[in-house]
Amino acid sequence: MLTEIELRERMANLQQRALDVGSRSKARIDALTTATQTLPELHPDEYLRMVRGATDDAMMAALSYHRSLPFLETASSLLECSSQPSSSAENEEWREQLMFRLNEVLEIAADLIAEGEENLASSERIDV
């Protein structure tokens, strides 16, 4: 199992990745929406289909970002709880359980963020 310091570093990394997915997916959705305003003369239906598919992927990336937020907030709360001083063996056991739960929550957040990153990459396959 990871140490508290490693879990804190992982949390910071995941928060940064989540913010990146959130901001990039919003910018991507805006760019794709703008792209639907000017259709090319050649194959406009195909182009529109591709833009709509990329928009769907960008929207899924944004959804993954939003779905990761409660897990990151929970992780933050768990870290706050872990900063409480403990003195007895019972408190140490409680602290170990807290770190175990923190790791679980961060794993879920990491999966959601990775899903968002994949969707975002998929939406970027079309150049607009």
N, C-alpha and C. Protein backbone atom coordinates (compact mmCIF):
# COMPACT_ATOMS: atom_id res chain seq x y z
N MET A 1 0.84 -1.18 0.00
CA MET A 1 0.00 0.00 0.00
C MET A 1 0.89 1.24 0.00
N LEU A 2 0.37 2.28 -0.60
CA LEU A 2 1.12 3.54 -0.68
C LEU A 2 1.15 4.25 0.67
N THR A 3 2.21 5.01 0.87
CA THR A 3 2.31 5.81 2.09
C THR A 3 1.40 7.03 1.97
N GLU A 4 1.21 7.71 3.09
CA GLU A 4 0.37 8.90 3.06
C GLU A 4 0.96 9.96 2.13
N ILE A 5 2.26 10.10 2.14
CA ILE A 5 2.92 11.08 1.27
C ILE A 5 2.67 10.72 -0.20
N GLU A 6 2.80 9.44 -0.53
CA GLU A 6 2.55 9.00 -1.91
C GLU A 6 1.09 9.21 -2.30
N LEU A 7 0.18 8.97 -1.36
CA LEU A 7 -1.24 9.19 -1.64
C LEU A 7 -1.53 10.68 -1.85
N ARG A 8 -0.89 11.52 -1.08
CA ARG A 8 -1.06 12.97 -1.26
C ARG A 8 -0.53 13.40 -2.63
N GLU A 9 0.61 12.86 -3.02
CA GLU A 9 1.17 13.19 -4.34
C GLU A 9 0.25 12.70 -5.45
N ARG A 10 -0.27 11.51 -5.28
CA ARG A 10 -1.20 10.96 -6.28
C ARG A 10 -2.45 11.84 -6.37
N MET A 11 -2.95 12.26 -5.23
CA MET A 11 -4.12 13.14 -5.19
C MET A 11 -3.85 14.43 -5.95
N ALA A 12 -2.70 15.04 -5.70
CA ALA A 12 -2.35 16.30 -6.37
C ALA A 12 -2.26 16.08 -7.88
N ASN A 13 -1.66 14.97 -8.28
CA ASN A 13 -1.54 14.65 -9.71
C ASN A 13 -2.91 14.46 -10.34
N LEU A 14 -3.79 13.73 -9.65
CA LEU A 14 -5.13 13.49 -10.18
C LEU A 14 -5.94 14.78 -10.26
N GLN A 15 -5.79 15.64 -9.28
CA GLN A 15 -6.50 16.92 -9.33
C GLN A 15 -6.06 17.73 -10.54
N GLN A 16 -4.76 17.74 -10.81
CA GLN A 16 -4.26 18.48 -11.96
C GLN A 16 -4.76 17.88 -13.28
N ARG A 17 -4.71 16.55 -13.36
CA ARG A 17 -5.21 15.88 -14.56
C ARG A 17 -6.69 16.14 -14.76
N ALA A 18 -7.46 16.12 -13.68
CA ALA A 18 -8.91 16.36 -13.78
C ALA A 18 -9.17 17.78 -14.28
N LEU A 19 -8.46 18.74 -13.73
CA LEU A 19 -8.64 20.13 -14.19
C LEU A 19 -8.28 20.26 -15.66
N ASP A 20 -7.23 19.57 -16.08
CA ASP A 20 -6.83 19.61 -17.48
C ASP A 20 -7.91 19.02 -18.38
N VAL A 21 -8.45 17.88 -18.00
CA VAL A 21 -9.54 17.27 -18.78
C VAL A 21 -10.75 18.19 -18.82
N GLY A 22 -11.09 18.78 -17.69
CA GLY A 22 -12.24 19.67 -17.63
C GLY A 22 -12.09 20.87 -18.54
N SER A 23 -10.95 21.53 -18.47
CA SER A 23 -10.76 22.75 -19.29
C SER A 23 -10.58 22.41 -20.77
N ARG A 24 -9.83 21.35 -21.07
CA ARG A 24 -9.63 20.99 -22.47
C ARG A 24 -10.92 20.50 -23.11
N SER A 25 -11.74 19.77 -22.37
CA SER A 25 -12.98 19.27 -22.97
C SER A 25 -13.94 20.43 -23.23
N LYS A 26 -13.99 21.40 -22.34
CA LYS A 26 -14.85 22.56 -22.58
C LYS A 26 -14.38 23.33 -23.81
N ALA A 27 -13.07 23.56 -23.91
CA ALA A 27 -12.53 24.27 -25.07
C ALA A 27 -12.78 23.48 -26.35
N ARG A 28 -12.67 22.17 -26.26
CA ARG A 28 -12.88 21.32 -27.43
C ARG A 28 -14.35 21.37 -27.88
N ILE A 29 -15.26 21.31 -26.93
CA ILE A 29 -16.69 21.39 -27.26
C ILE A 29 -16.98 22.73 -27.95
N ASP A 30 -16.44 23.80 -27.41
CA ASP A 30 -16.64 25.13 -28.01
C ASP A 30 -16.10 25.17 -29.43
N ALA A 31 -14.89 24.62 -29.64
CA ALA A 31 -14.29 24.63 -30.98
C ALA A 31 -15.11 23.79 -31.96
N LEU A 32 -15.59 22.65 -31.50
CA LEU A 32 -16.39 21.80 -32.37
C LEU A 32 -17.74 22.43 -32.68
N THR A 33 -18.32 23.11 -31.72
CA THR A 33 -19.59 23.81 -31.96
C THR A 33 -19.39 24.89 -33.02
N THR A 34 -18.30 25.61 -32.92
CA THR A 34 -17.98 26.63 -33.92
C THR A 34 -17.77 25.99 -35.30
N ALA A 35 -17.15 24.82 -35.33
CA ALA A 35 -16.88 24.13 -36.59
C ALA A 35 -18.16 23.74 -37.31
N THR A 36 -19.23 23.54 -36.58
CA THR A 36 -20.50 23.17 -37.24
C THR A 36 -21.15 24.36 -37.93
N GLN A 37 -20.66 25.55 -37.66
CA GLN A 37 -21.24 26.76 -38.27
C GLN A 37 -20.80 26.96 -39.72
N THR A 38 -19.62 26.43 -40.06
CA THR A 38 -19.12 26.58 -41.43
C THR A 38 -18.77 25.20 -41.99
N LEU A 39 -19.64 24.70 -42.81
CA LEU A 39 -19.44 23.37 -43.39
C LEU A 39 -18.67 23.49 -44.70
N PRO A 40 -17.79 22.53 -44.98
CA PRO A 40 -17.06 22.56 -46.25
C PRO A 40 -18.00 22.25 -47.42
N GLU A 41 -17.59 22.66 -48.59
CA GLU A 41 -18.42 22.42 -49.77
C GLU A 41 -18.40 20.95 -50.18
N LEU A 42 -17.26 20.31 -50.00
CA LEU A 42 -17.14 18.89 -50.33
C LEU A 42 -17.51 18.03 -49.12
N HIS A 43 -18.43 17.15 -49.30
CA HIS A 43 -18.85 16.18 -48.28
C HIS A 43 -19.28 16.82 -46.96
N PRO A 44 -20.21 17.75 -47.00
CA PRO A 44 -20.61 18.41 -45.75
C PRO A 44 -21.29 17.45 -44.76
N ASP A 45 -22.03 16.47 -45.26
CA ASP A 45 -22.70 15.52 -44.37
C ASP A 45 -21.68 14.67 -43.61
N GLU A 46 -20.66 14.21 -44.32
CA GLU A 46 -19.61 13.40 -43.69
C GLU A 46 -18.85 14.23 -42.64
N TYR A 47 -18.55 15.46 -43.00
CA TYR A 47 -17.84 16.36 -42.08
C TYR A 47 -18.68 16.59 -40.82
N LEU A 48 -19.96 16.86 -41.00
CA LEU A 48 -20.85 17.10 -39.87
C LEU A 48 -20.95 15.86 -38.99
N ARG A 49 -21.01 14.69 -39.59
CA ARG A 49 -21.06 13.45 -38.83
C ARG A 49 -19.80 13.29 -37.99
N MET A 50 -18.64 13.59 -38.58
CA MET A 50 -17.37 13.47 -37.86
C MET A 50 -17.29 14.49 -36.71
N VAL A 51 -17.74 15.70 -36.97
CA VAL A 51 -17.72 16.74 -35.93
C VAL A 51 -18.67 16.36 -34.79
N ARG A 52 -19.82 15.84 -35.13
CA ARG A 52 -20.77 15.42 -34.09
C ARG A 52 -20.19 14.27 -33.25
N GLY A 53 -19.52 13.34 -33.89
CA GLY A 53 -18.88 12.24 -33.16
C GLY A 53 -17.79 12.76 -32.22
N ALA A 54 -17.01 13.69 -32.71
CA ALA A 54 -15.95 14.28 -31.89
C ALA A 54 -16.56 15.08 -30.73
N THR A 55 -17.68 15.75 -31.00
CA THR A 55 -18.37 16.49 -29.94
C THR A 55 -18.88 15.54 -28.86
N ASP A 56 -19.44 14.42 -29.29
CA ASP A 56 -19.90 13.42 -28.32
C ASP A 56 -18.75 12.94 -27.45
N ASP A 57 -17.58 12.69 -28.08
CA ASP A 57 -16.41 12.25 -27.31
C ASP A 57 -15.96 13.32 -26.32
N ALA A 58 -15.97 14.57 -26.75
CA ALA A 58 -15.57 15.67 -25.86
C ALA A 58 -16.57 15.82 -24.71
N MET A 59 -17.84 15.62 -25.01
CA MET A 59 -18.85 15.70 -23.95
C MET A 59 -18.69 14.55 -22.95
N MET A 60 -18.32 13.37 -23.44
CA MET A 60 -18.05 12.25 -22.54
C MET A 60 -16.83 12.53 -21.67
N ALA A 61 -15.84 13.21 -22.23
CA ALA A 61 -14.66 13.60 -21.45
C ALA A 61 -15.08 14.55 -20.33
N ALA A 62 -15.92 15.52 -20.66
CA ALA A 62 -16.41 16.46 -19.65
C ALA A 62 -17.22 15.73 -18.58
N LEU A 63 -18.02 14.77 -18.99
CA LEU A 63 -18.80 13.99 -18.04
C LEU A 63 -17.88 13.21 -17.10
N SER A 64 -16.86 12.61 -17.64
CA SER A 64 -15.90 11.87 -16.80
C SER A 64 -15.25 12.80 -15.79
N TYR A 65 -14.91 14.00 -16.23
CA TYR A 65 -14.35 15.00 -15.31
C TYR A 65 -15.32 15.27 -14.17
N HIS A 66 -16.57 15.54 -14.50
CA HIS A 66 -17.57 15.84 -13.47
C HIS A 66 -17.82 14.65 -12.56
N ARG A 67 -17.77 13.45 -13.12
CA ARG A 67 -17.97 12.25 -12.30
C ARG A 67 -16.80 12.01 -11.35
N SER A 68 -15.60 12.49 -11.71
CA SER A 68 -14.43 12.29 -10.84
C SER A 68 -14.42 13.25 -9.65
N LEU A 69 -15.11 14.38 -9.77
CA LEU A 69 -15.05 15.40 -8.72
C LEU A 69 -15.50 14.92 -7.34
N PRO A 70 -16.61 14.20 -7.20
CA PRO A 70 -16.99 13.74 -5.86
C PRO A 70 -15.94 12.82 -5.23
N PHE A 71 -15.27 12.03 -6.05
CA PHE A 71 -14.24 11.15 -5.52
C PHE A 71 -13.02 11.95 -5.06
N LEU A 72 -12.67 12.98 -5.82
CA LEU A 72 -11.56 13.83 -5.41
C LEU A 72 -11.91 14.61 -4.14
N GLU A 73 -13.15 15.05 -4.03
CA GLU A 73 -13.59 15.74 -2.82
C GLU A 73 -13.58 14.80 -1.62
N THR A 74 -14.02 13.57 -1.82
CA THR A 74 -13.98 12.58 -0.75
C THR A 74 -12.54 12.31 -0.33
N ALA A 75 -11.66 12.18 -1.30
CA ALA A 75 -10.25 11.96 -1.00
C ALA A 75 -9.69 13.11 -0.18
N SER A 76 -10.06 14.31 -0.54
CA SER A 76 -9.60 15.48 0.21
C SER A 76 -10.09 15.43 1.66
N SER A 77 -11.34 15.03 1.85
CA SER A 77 -11.89 14.90 3.20
C SER A 77 -11.17 13.82 3.99
N LEU A 78 -10.87 12.71 3.33
CA LEU A 78 -10.15 11.64 4.00
C LEU A 78 -8.75 12.10 4.41
N LEU A 79 -8.12 12.88 3.56
CA LEU A 79 -6.79 13.41 3.90
C LEU A 79 -6.88 14.35 5.09
N GLU A 80 -7.92 15.15 5.14
CA GLU A 80 -8.12 16.03 6.31
C GLU A 80 -8.27 15.21 7.58
N CYS A 81 -9.04 14.14 7.50
CA CYS A 81 -9.23 13.28 8.67
C CYS A 81 -7.91 12.62 9.08
N SER A 82 -7.11 12.29 8.11
CA SER A 82 -5.84 11.62 8.41
C SER A 82 -4.85 12.53 9.11
N SER A 83 -5.05 13.82 9.00
CA SER A 83 -4.12 14.76 9.63
C SER A 83 -4.39 14.91 11.12
N GLN A 84 -5.46 14.30 11.62
CA GLN A 84 -5.76 14.32 13.05
C GLN A 84 -4.71 13.48 13.78
N PRO A 85 -4.18 13.99 14.88
CA PRO A 85 -3.16 13.22 15.60
C PRO A 85 -3.75 11.94 16.20
N SER A 86 -2.96 10.88 16.17
CA SER A 86 -3.39 9.62 16.77
C SER A 86 -2.32 9.17 17.75
N SER A 87 -2.77 8.58 18.84
CA SER A 87 -1.81 8.18 19.86
C SER A 87 -1.91 6.71 20.23
N SER A 88 -3.07 6.14 20.14
CA SER A 88 -3.22 4.76 20.56
C SER A 88 -3.14 3.81 19.37
N ALA A 89 -2.99 2.53 19.69
CA ALA A 89 -2.93 1.50 18.66
C ALA A 89 -4.25 1.44 17.89
N GLU A 90 -5.36 1.66 18.60
CA GLU A 90 -6.67 1.66 17.94
C GLU A 90 -6.75 2.79 16.91
N ASN A 91 -6.21 3.92 17.26
CA ASN A 91 -6.20 5.05 16.32
C ASN A 91 -5.31 4.75 15.12
N GLU A 92 -4.23 4.04 15.34
CA GLU A 92 -3.36 3.67 14.23
C GLU A 92 -4.08 2.73 13.26
N GLU A 93 -4.85 1.79 13.81
CA GLU A 93 -5.62 0.88 12.97
C GLU A 93 -6.66 1.68 12.17
N TRP A 94 -7.31 2.63 12.83
CA TRP A 94 -8.28 3.50 12.17
C TRP A 94 -7.60 4.27 11.04
N ARG A 95 -6.41 4.77 11.30
CA ARG A 95 -5.65 5.54 10.30
C ARG A 95 -5.29 4.66 9.10
N GLU A 96 -4.91 3.42 9.36
CA GLU A 96 -4.60 2.49 8.26
C GLU A 96 -5.83 2.24 7.41
N GLN A 97 -6.97 2.07 8.04
CA GLN A 97 -8.22 1.88 7.30
C GLN A 97 -8.56 3.12 6.47
N LEU A 98 -8.29 4.27 7.04
CA LEU A 98 -8.52 5.53 6.34
C LEU A 98 -7.65 5.61 5.09
N MET A 99 -6.39 5.24 5.21
CA MET A 99 -5.48 5.27 4.06
C MET A 99 -5.89 4.25 3.01
N PHE A 100 -6.39 3.11 3.46
CA PHE A 100 -6.89 2.08 2.53
C PHE A 100 -8.06 2.63 1.74
N ARG A 101 -9.00 3.28 2.41
CA ARG A 101 -10.18 3.86 1.74
C ARG A 101 -9.76 4.99 0.81
N LEU A 102 -8.80 5.79 1.25
CA LEU A 102 -8.29 6.87 0.41
C LEU A 102 -7.72 6.31 -0.89
N ASN A 103 -6.96 5.24 -0.78
CA ASN A 103 -6.40 4.62 -1.97
C ASN A 103 -7.50 4.13 -2.91
N GLU A 104 -8.54 3.53 -2.35
CA GLU A 104 -9.68 3.05 -3.16
C GLU A 104 -10.36 4.21 -3.90
N VAL A 105 -10.60 5.29 -3.18
CA VAL A 105 -11.27 6.45 -3.77
C VAL A 105 -10.40 7.05 -4.88
N LEU A 106 -9.11 7.12 -4.65
CA LEU A 106 -8.21 7.67 -5.67
C LEU A 106 -8.14 6.77 -6.90
N GLU A 107 -8.25 5.47 -6.72
CA GLU A 107 -8.25 4.56 -7.87
C GLU A 107 -9.47 4.80 -8.75
N ILE A 108 -10.62 5.00 -8.13
CA ILE A 108 -11.84 5.27 -8.91
C ILE A 108 -11.70 6.58 -9.65
N ALA A 109 -11.21 7.61 -8.95
CA ALA A 109 -11.01 8.92 -9.60
C ALA A 109 -10.03 8.78 -10.75
N ALA A 110 -8.96 8.02 -10.56
CA ALA A 110 -7.96 7.84 -11.62
C ALA A 110 -8.59 7.17 -12.84
N ASP A 111 -9.44 6.18 -12.62
CA ASP A 111 -10.11 5.50 -13.74
C ASP A 111 -11.01 6.47 -14.51
N LEU A 112 -11.76 7.28 -13.79
CA LEU A 112 -12.65 8.24 -14.44
C LEU A 112 -11.86 9.29 -15.21
N ILE A 113 -10.77 9.75 -14.64
CA ILE A 113 -9.95 10.75 -15.32
C ILE A 113 -9.30 10.15 -16.56
N ALA A 114 -8.80 8.93 -16.45
CA ALA A 114 -8.20 8.26 -17.61
C ALA A 114 -9.24 8.08 -18.72
N GLU A 115 -10.46 7.74 -18.33
CA GLU A 115 -11.55 7.62 -19.31
C GLU A 115 -11.78 8.95 -20.01
N GLY A 116 -11.77 10.02 -19.24
CA GLY A 116 -11.94 11.36 -19.82
C GLY A 116 -10.80 11.71 -20.77
N GLU A 117 -9.58 11.36 -20.38
CA GLU A 117 -8.43 11.63 -21.25
C GLU A 117 -8.53 10.86 -22.56
N GLU A 118 -8.99 9.61 -22.48
CA GLU A 118 -9.16 8.80 -23.68
C GLU A 118 -10.23 9.39 -24.59
N ASN A 119 -11.35 9.79 -24.02
CA ASN A 119 -12.41 10.40 -24.81
C ASN A 119 -11.95 11.70 -25.44
N LEU A 120 -11.19 12.47 -24.70
CA LEU A 120 -10.68 13.73 -25.23
C LEU A 120 -9.74 13.48 -26.39
N ALA A 121 -8.86 12.50 -26.24
CA ALA A 121 -7.94 12.15 -27.33
C ALA A 121 -8.73 11.69 -28.56
N SER A 122 -9.79 10.94 -28.33
CA SER A 122 -10.62 10.49 -29.44
C SER A 122 -11.29 11.68 -30.13
N SER A 123 -11.70 12.66 -29.37
CA SER A 123 -12.36 13.83 -29.98
C SER A 123 -11.37 14.68 -30.77
N GLU A 124 -10.11 14.55 -30.46
CA GLU A 124 -9.09 15.36 -31.14
C GLU A 124 -8.60 14.73 -32.44
N ARG A 125 -9.18 13.60 -32.82
CA ARG A 125 -8.78 12.95 -34.07
C ARG A 125 -9.23 13.74 -35.29
N ILE A 126 -10.19 14.60 -35.11
CA ILE A 126 -10.63 15.47 -36.21
C ILE A 126 -10.07 16.85 -35.95
N ASP A 127 -9.47 17.42 -36.95
CA ASP A 127 -8.86 18.74 -36.81
C ASP A 127 -9.87 19.82 -37.15
N VAL A 128 -10.13 20.69 -36.18
CA VAL A 128 -11.03 21.82 -36.43
C VAL A 128 -10.33 23.11 -36.04
